[in-house]
Amino acid sequence: MPQGPNLNQLMKQAQQMQAEMAKAQEQLKEEIVEASAGGGMVKVTMTGDMQLREIKIDPEAIDPEDPELLQDMVTAAVSEAIRSAQDLAASRMGGIAGLGGGGGLPGLPGM
């Protein structure tokens, strides 16, 4: 009769993976992604755990006659920073979980 998987071994592996994922999540808080829009007129800095750190706006981007353009540039830069942070998190977490960097993990932002 074939023997089933060793439950103790599986639990140990799951706990190890959980610890590695918690460590990776903490490290993401320290990693920074940057994005820009409007040829660099709007720059956004965000952490790997998707905390917005900074928005820099070149004074030349401020046109009182066209506030929508600035709004669009800020939106584009923030959206790109979010995508970059999600990609970074997916690569870190996916590697730990053996998902190859794009499998998605429930309960994690953007995954």
N, C-alpha and C. Protein backbone atom coordinates (compact mmCIF):
# COMPACT_ATOMS: atom_id res chain seq x y z
N MET A 1 0.85 -1.16 0.00
CA MET A 1 0.00 0.00 0.00
C MET A 1 0.90 1.24 0.00
N PRO A 2 0.67 2.20 -0.94
CA PRO A 2 1.52 3.39 -0.99
C PRO A 2 1.30 4.27 0.25
N GLN A 3 2.39 4.83 0.69
CA GLN A 3 2.33 5.69 1.88
C GLN A 3 2.01 7.12 1.45
N GLY A 4 1.13 7.78 2.18
CA GLY A 4 0.75 9.16 1.88
C GLY A 4 1.86 10.13 2.24
N PRO A 5 1.66 11.39 1.92
CA PRO A 5 2.69 12.38 2.23
C PRO A 5 2.86 12.53 3.74
N ASN A 6 4.06 12.83 4.13
CA ASN A 6 4.39 13.03 5.53
C ASN A 6 3.80 14.37 5.98
N LEU A 7 2.77 14.32 6.80
CA LEU A 7 2.05 15.52 7.23
C LEU A 7 2.96 16.45 8.02
N ASN A 8 3.80 15.89 8.86
CA ASN A 8 4.73 16.73 9.63
C ASN A 8 5.69 17.48 8.71
N GLN A 9 6.17 16.80 7.70
CA GLN A 9 7.09 17.43 6.74
C GLN A 9 6.38 18.55 5.99
N LEU A 10 5.14 18.31 5.56
CA LEU A 10 4.37 19.34 4.86
C LEU A 10 4.13 20.55 5.75
N MET A 11 3.81 20.34 7.01
CA MET A 11 3.57 21.44 7.95
C MET A 11 4.85 22.25 8.15
N LYS A 12 5.97 21.57 8.26
CA LYS A 12 7.25 22.25 8.45
C LYS A 12 7.57 23.12 7.23
N GLN A 13 7.34 22.58 6.03
CA GLN A 13 7.59 23.33 4.81
C GLN A 13 6.66 24.55 4.72
N ALA A 14 5.41 24.37 5.10
CA ALA A 14 4.45 25.48 5.06
C ALA A 14 4.85 26.58 6.04
N GLN A 15 5.30 26.20 7.21
CA GLN A 15 5.73 27.20 8.20
C GLN A 15 6.97 27.94 7.72
N GLN A 16 7.88 27.22 7.09
CA GLN A 16 9.09 27.84 6.57
C GLN A 16 8.73 28.84 5.46
N MET A 17 7.84 28.42 4.57
CA MET A 17 7.42 29.30 3.48
C MET A 17 6.71 30.54 4.05
N GLN A 18 5.90 30.37 5.07
CA GLN A 18 5.19 31.49 5.69
C GLN A 18 6.20 32.47 6.29
N ALA A 19 7.22 31.98 6.94
CA ALA A 19 8.25 32.84 7.53
C ALA A 19 9.01 33.59 6.43
N GLU A 20 9.32 32.91 5.34
CA GLU A 20 10.03 33.56 4.23
C GLU A 20 9.16 34.64 3.60
N MET A 21 7.88 34.38 3.47
CA MET A 21 6.97 35.37 2.89
C MET A 21 6.83 36.59 3.80
N ALA A 22 6.77 36.37 5.10
CA ALA A 22 6.68 37.50 6.04
C ALA A 22 7.94 38.35 5.94
N LYS A 23 9.09 37.70 5.82
CA LYS A 23 10.35 38.43 5.69
C LYS A 23 10.36 39.23 4.38
N ALA A 24 9.90 38.62 3.31
CA ALA A 24 9.86 39.31 2.01
C ALA A 24 8.92 40.50 2.06
N GLN A 25 7.79 40.36 2.74
CA GLN A 25 6.85 41.48 2.87
C GLN A 25 7.50 42.64 3.62
N GLU A 26 8.26 42.33 4.66
CA GLU A 26 8.95 43.38 5.41
C GLU A 26 10.01 44.06 4.52
N GLN A 27 10.70 43.28 3.72
CA GLN A 27 11.71 43.85 2.84
C GLN A 27 11.08 44.75 1.78
N LEU A 28 9.87 44.41 1.32
CA LEU A 28 9.19 45.23 0.32
C LEU A 28 8.93 46.64 0.85
N LYS A 29 8.77 46.77 2.16
CA LYS A 29 8.54 48.09 2.75
C LYS A 29 9.75 49.00 2.55
N GLU A 30 10.92 48.41 2.37
CA GLU A 30 12.15 49.19 2.23
C GLU A 30 12.53 49.44 0.76
N GLU A 31 11.93 48.66 -0.14
CA GLU A 31 12.28 48.81 -1.54
C GLU A 31 11.45 49.92 -2.18
N ILE A 32 12.07 50.63 -3.11
CA ILE A 32 11.44 51.80 -3.72
C ILE A 32 11.30 51.57 -5.23
N VAL A 33 10.14 51.96 -5.75
CA VAL A 33 9.95 52.01 -7.19
C VAL A 33 9.64 53.46 -7.56
N GLU A 34 9.99 53.83 -8.75
CA GLU A 34 9.74 55.18 -9.23
C GLU A 34 9.07 55.11 -10.58
N ALA A 35 8.24 56.11 -10.85
CA ALA A 35 7.58 56.21 -12.14
C ALA A 35 7.43 57.69 -12.47
N SER A 36 7.29 57.97 -13.76
CA SER A 36 7.12 59.36 -14.15
C SER A 36 6.15 59.45 -15.32
N ALA A 37 5.68 60.66 -15.56
CA ALA A 37 4.78 60.92 -16.69
C ALA A 37 5.09 62.32 -17.21
N GLY A 38 4.61 62.59 -18.40
CA GLY A 38 4.83 63.91 -18.99
C GLY A 38 6.29 64.20 -19.24
N GLY A 39 7.02 63.19 -19.68
CA GLY A 39 8.45 63.40 -19.94
C GLY A 39 9.23 63.71 -18.68
N GLY A 40 8.78 63.21 -17.55
CA GLY A 40 9.47 63.42 -16.29
C GLY A 40 8.99 64.63 -15.52
N MET A 41 7.93 65.27 -16.01
CA MET A 41 7.42 66.45 -15.32
C MET A 41 6.72 66.10 -14.01
N VAL A 42 6.21 64.86 -13.94
CA VAL A 42 5.61 64.36 -12.70
C VAL A 42 6.33 63.06 -12.36
N LYS A 43 6.87 63.00 -11.14
CA LYS A 43 7.59 61.81 -10.69
C LYS A 43 6.96 61.31 -9.40
N VAL A 44 6.80 59.99 -9.31
CA VAL A 44 6.18 59.36 -8.15
C VAL A 44 7.14 58.32 -7.58
N THR A 45 7.25 58.32 -6.27
CA THR A 45 8.05 57.32 -5.56
C THR A 45 7.12 56.54 -4.64
N MET A 46 7.24 55.21 -4.68
CA MET A 46 6.37 54.33 -3.91
C MET A 46 7.21 53.17 -3.38
N THR A 47 6.81 52.65 -2.22
CA THR A 47 7.51 51.48 -1.68
C THR A 47 6.98 50.21 -2.35
N GLY A 48 7.72 49.14 -2.15
CA GLY A 48 7.30 47.85 -2.71
C GLY A 48 6.01 47.33 -2.11
N ASP A 49 5.62 47.85 -0.94
CA ASP A 49 4.34 47.44 -0.36
C ASP A 49 3.24 48.47 -0.67
N MET A 50 3.48 49.25 -1.72
CA MET A 50 2.51 50.17 -2.32
C MET A 50 2.12 51.35 -1.42
N GLN A 51 3.09 51.86 -0.67
CA GLN A 51 2.87 53.08 0.09
C GLN A 51 3.44 54.24 -0.71
N LEU A 52 2.59 55.20 -1.04
CA LEU A 52 3.02 56.37 -1.79
C LEU A 52 3.94 57.21 -0.91
N ARG A 53 5.15 57.48 -1.38
CA ARG A 53 6.12 58.22 -0.58
C ARG A 53 6.25 59.67 -1.01
N GLU A 54 6.21 59.89 -2.34
CA GLU A 54 6.49 61.24 -2.81
C GLU A 54 5.93 61.45 -4.21
N ILE A 55 5.44 62.66 -4.43
CA ILE A 55 5.07 63.11 -5.77
C ILE A 55 5.82 64.41 -6.01
N LYS A 56 6.61 64.44 -7.08
CA LYS A 56 7.32 65.67 -7.46
C LYS A 56 6.71 66.19 -8.75
N ILE A 57 6.42 67.48 -8.76
CA ILE A 57 5.82 68.10 -9.94
C ILE A 57 6.72 69.25 -10.37
N ASP A 58 7.19 69.18 -11.60
CA ASP A 58 7.99 70.25 -12.17
C ASP A 58 7.09 71.49 -12.29
N PRO A 59 7.56 72.64 -11.85
CA PRO A 59 6.73 73.85 -11.93
C PRO A 59 6.21 74.14 -13.35
N GLU A 60 6.95 73.70 -14.37
CA GLU A 60 6.51 73.93 -15.74
C GLU A 60 5.26 73.10 -16.08
N ALA A 61 4.96 72.10 -15.27
CA ALA A 61 3.79 71.26 -15.52
C ALA A 61 2.51 71.93 -15.02
N ILE A 62 2.65 73.00 -14.27
CA ILE A 62 1.50 73.67 -13.68
C ILE A 62 1.02 74.76 -14.63
N ASP A 63 -0.06 74.47 -15.32
CA ASP A 63 -0.66 75.43 -16.25
C ASP A 63 -2.07 75.73 -15.74
N PRO A 64 -2.28 76.93 -15.20
CA PRO A 64 -3.61 77.26 -14.67
C PRO A 64 -4.71 77.18 -15.72
N GLU A 65 -4.33 77.26 -16.99
CA GLU A 65 -5.31 77.18 -18.07
C GLU A 65 -5.68 75.74 -18.40
N ASP A 66 -4.88 74.78 -17.95
CA ASP A 66 -5.12 73.38 -18.29
C ASP A 66 -4.83 72.46 -17.10
N PRO A 67 -5.61 72.57 -16.01
CA PRO A 67 -5.35 71.72 -14.84
C PRO A 67 -5.58 70.23 -15.13
N GLU A 68 -6.39 69.93 -16.13
CA GLU A 68 -6.66 68.53 -16.45
C GLU A 68 -5.40 67.80 -16.92
N LEU A 69 -4.53 68.51 -17.61
CA LEU A 69 -3.29 67.89 -18.08
C LEU A 69 -2.44 67.45 -16.88
N LEU A 70 -2.31 68.30 -15.89
CA LEU A 70 -1.54 67.94 -14.70
C LEU A 70 -2.21 66.78 -13.97
N GLN A 71 -3.52 66.81 -13.86
CA GLN A 71 -4.25 65.71 -13.22
C GLN A 71 -3.97 64.40 -13.95
N ASP A 72 -3.99 64.43 -15.26
CA ASP A 72 -3.73 63.22 -16.06
C ASP A 72 -2.31 62.71 -15.85
N MET A 73 -1.34 63.64 -15.77
CA MET A 73 0.04 63.22 -15.57
C MET A 73 0.23 62.58 -14.18
N VAL A 74 -0.38 63.17 -13.17
CA VAL A 74 -0.28 62.60 -11.83
C VAL A 74 -0.93 61.22 -11.80
N THR A 75 -2.10 61.10 -12.40
CA THR A 75 -2.79 59.81 -12.44
C THR A 75 -1.93 58.76 -13.16
N ALA A 76 -1.35 59.14 -14.29
CA ALA A 76 -0.53 58.20 -15.07
C ALA A 76 0.70 57.77 -14.27
N ALA A 77 1.36 58.71 -13.61
CA ALA A 77 2.57 58.39 -12.85
C ALA A 77 2.24 57.49 -11.66
N VAL A 78 1.17 57.79 -10.94
CA VAL A 78 0.78 56.96 -9.80
C VAL A 78 0.39 55.57 -10.27
N SER A 79 -0.35 55.48 -11.35
CA SER A 79 -0.76 54.17 -11.88
C SER A 79 0.46 53.33 -12.27
N GLU A 80 1.43 53.96 -12.90
CA GLU A 80 2.64 53.24 -13.29
C GLU A 80 3.44 52.80 -12.06
N ALA A 81 3.50 53.64 -11.03
CA ALA A 81 4.20 53.26 -9.81
C ALA A 81 3.51 52.08 -9.14
N ILE A 82 2.19 52.07 -9.15
CA ILE A 82 1.44 50.95 -8.58
C ILE A 82 1.75 49.67 -9.34
N ARG A 83 1.76 49.74 -10.67
CA ARG A 83 2.09 48.55 -11.48
C ARG A 83 3.50 48.06 -11.16
N SER A 84 4.43 48.99 -11.03
CA SER A 84 5.81 48.60 -10.72
C SER A 84 5.91 47.95 -9.35
N ALA A 85 5.21 48.51 -8.36
CA ALA A 85 5.22 47.93 -7.01
C ALA A 85 4.59 46.54 -7.02
N GLN A 86 3.50 46.39 -7.77
CA GLN A 86 2.85 45.07 -7.87
C GLN A 86 3.77 44.06 -8.52
N ASP A 87 4.46 44.47 -9.57
CA ASP A 87 5.39 43.56 -10.25
C ASP A 87 6.53 43.15 -9.32
N LEU A 88 7.05 44.13 -8.57
CA LEU A 88 8.12 43.83 -7.61
C LEU A 88 7.64 42.84 -6.56
N ALA A 89 6.46 43.10 -5.99
CA ALA A 89 5.92 42.20 -4.97
C ALA A 89 5.66 40.81 -5.55
N ALA A 90 5.12 40.76 -6.75
CA ALA A 90 4.83 39.46 -7.37
C ALA A 90 6.12 38.67 -7.60
N SER A 91 7.18 39.36 -8.01
CA SER A 91 8.43 38.64 -8.26
C SER A 91 9.02 38.12 -6.96
N ARG A 92 8.94 38.92 -5.90
CA ARG A 92 9.49 38.49 -4.60
C ARG A 92 8.64 37.36 -4.00
N MET A 93 7.35 37.54 -3.95
CA MET A 93 6.47 36.57 -3.31
C MET A 93 6.29 35.33 -4.18
N GLY A 94 6.19 35.53 -5.46
CA GLY A 94 6.01 34.39 -6.36
C GLY A 94 7.20 33.46 -6.33
N GLY A 95 8.40 34.03 -6.21
CA GLY A 95 9.60 33.20 -6.12
C GLY A 95 9.61 32.34 -4.87
N ILE A 96 9.12 32.88 -3.78
CA ILE A 96 9.07 32.12 -2.52
C ILE A 96 8.04 31.02 -2.62
N ALA A 97 6.88 31.36 -3.17
CA ALA A 97 5.78 30.40 -3.24
C ALA A 97 5.94 29.42 -4.39
N GLY A 98 6.97 29.64 -5.22
CA GLY A 98 7.16 28.75 -6.36
C GLY A 98 6.16 29.01 -7.47
N LEU A 99 5.69 30.26 -7.55
CA LEU A 99 4.69 30.59 -8.57
C LEU A 99 5.32 31.25 -9.79
N GLY A 100 6.61 31.40 -9.79
CA GLY A 100 7.27 31.95 -10.95
C GLY A 100 7.08 33.44 -11.13
N GLY A 101 6.69 34.14 -10.11
CA GLY A 101 6.64 35.59 -10.18
C GLY A 101 5.36 36.17 -10.73
N GLY A 102 4.37 35.39 -11.10
CA GLY A 102 3.18 36.01 -11.63
C GLY A 102 1.91 35.28 -11.26
N GLY A 103 2.00 34.35 -10.34
CA GLY A 103 0.85 33.52 -10.02
C GLY A 103 -0.23 34.19 -9.22
N GLY A 104 0.12 35.21 -8.47
CA GLY A 104 -0.87 35.89 -7.64
C GLY A 104 -1.10 35.17 -6.34
N LEU A 105 -1.16 35.96 -5.30
CA LEU A 105 -1.35 35.39 -3.97
C LEU A 105 -2.52 36.10 -3.30
N PRO A 106 -3.50 35.37 -2.81
CA PRO A 106 -4.64 36.01 -2.18
C PRO A 106 -4.23 36.73 -0.91
N GLY A 107 -4.88 37.85 -0.68
CA GLY A 107 -4.66 38.58 0.55
C GLY A 107 -3.50 39.55 0.49
N LEU A 108 -2.76 39.60 -0.61
CA LEU A 108 -1.67 40.55 -0.75
C LEU A 108 -2.08 41.60 -1.75
N PRO A 109 -1.76 42.86 -1.49
CA PRO A 109 -2.18 43.93 -2.38
C PRO A 109 -1.73 43.68 -3.80
N GLY A 110 -2.65 43.79 -4.72
CA GLY A 110 -2.33 43.69 -6.13
C GLY A 110 -1.99 42.32 -6.63
N MET A 111 -2.26 41.31 -5.86
CA MET A 111 -1.86 39.98 -6.29
C MET A 111 -3.07 39.11 -6.50
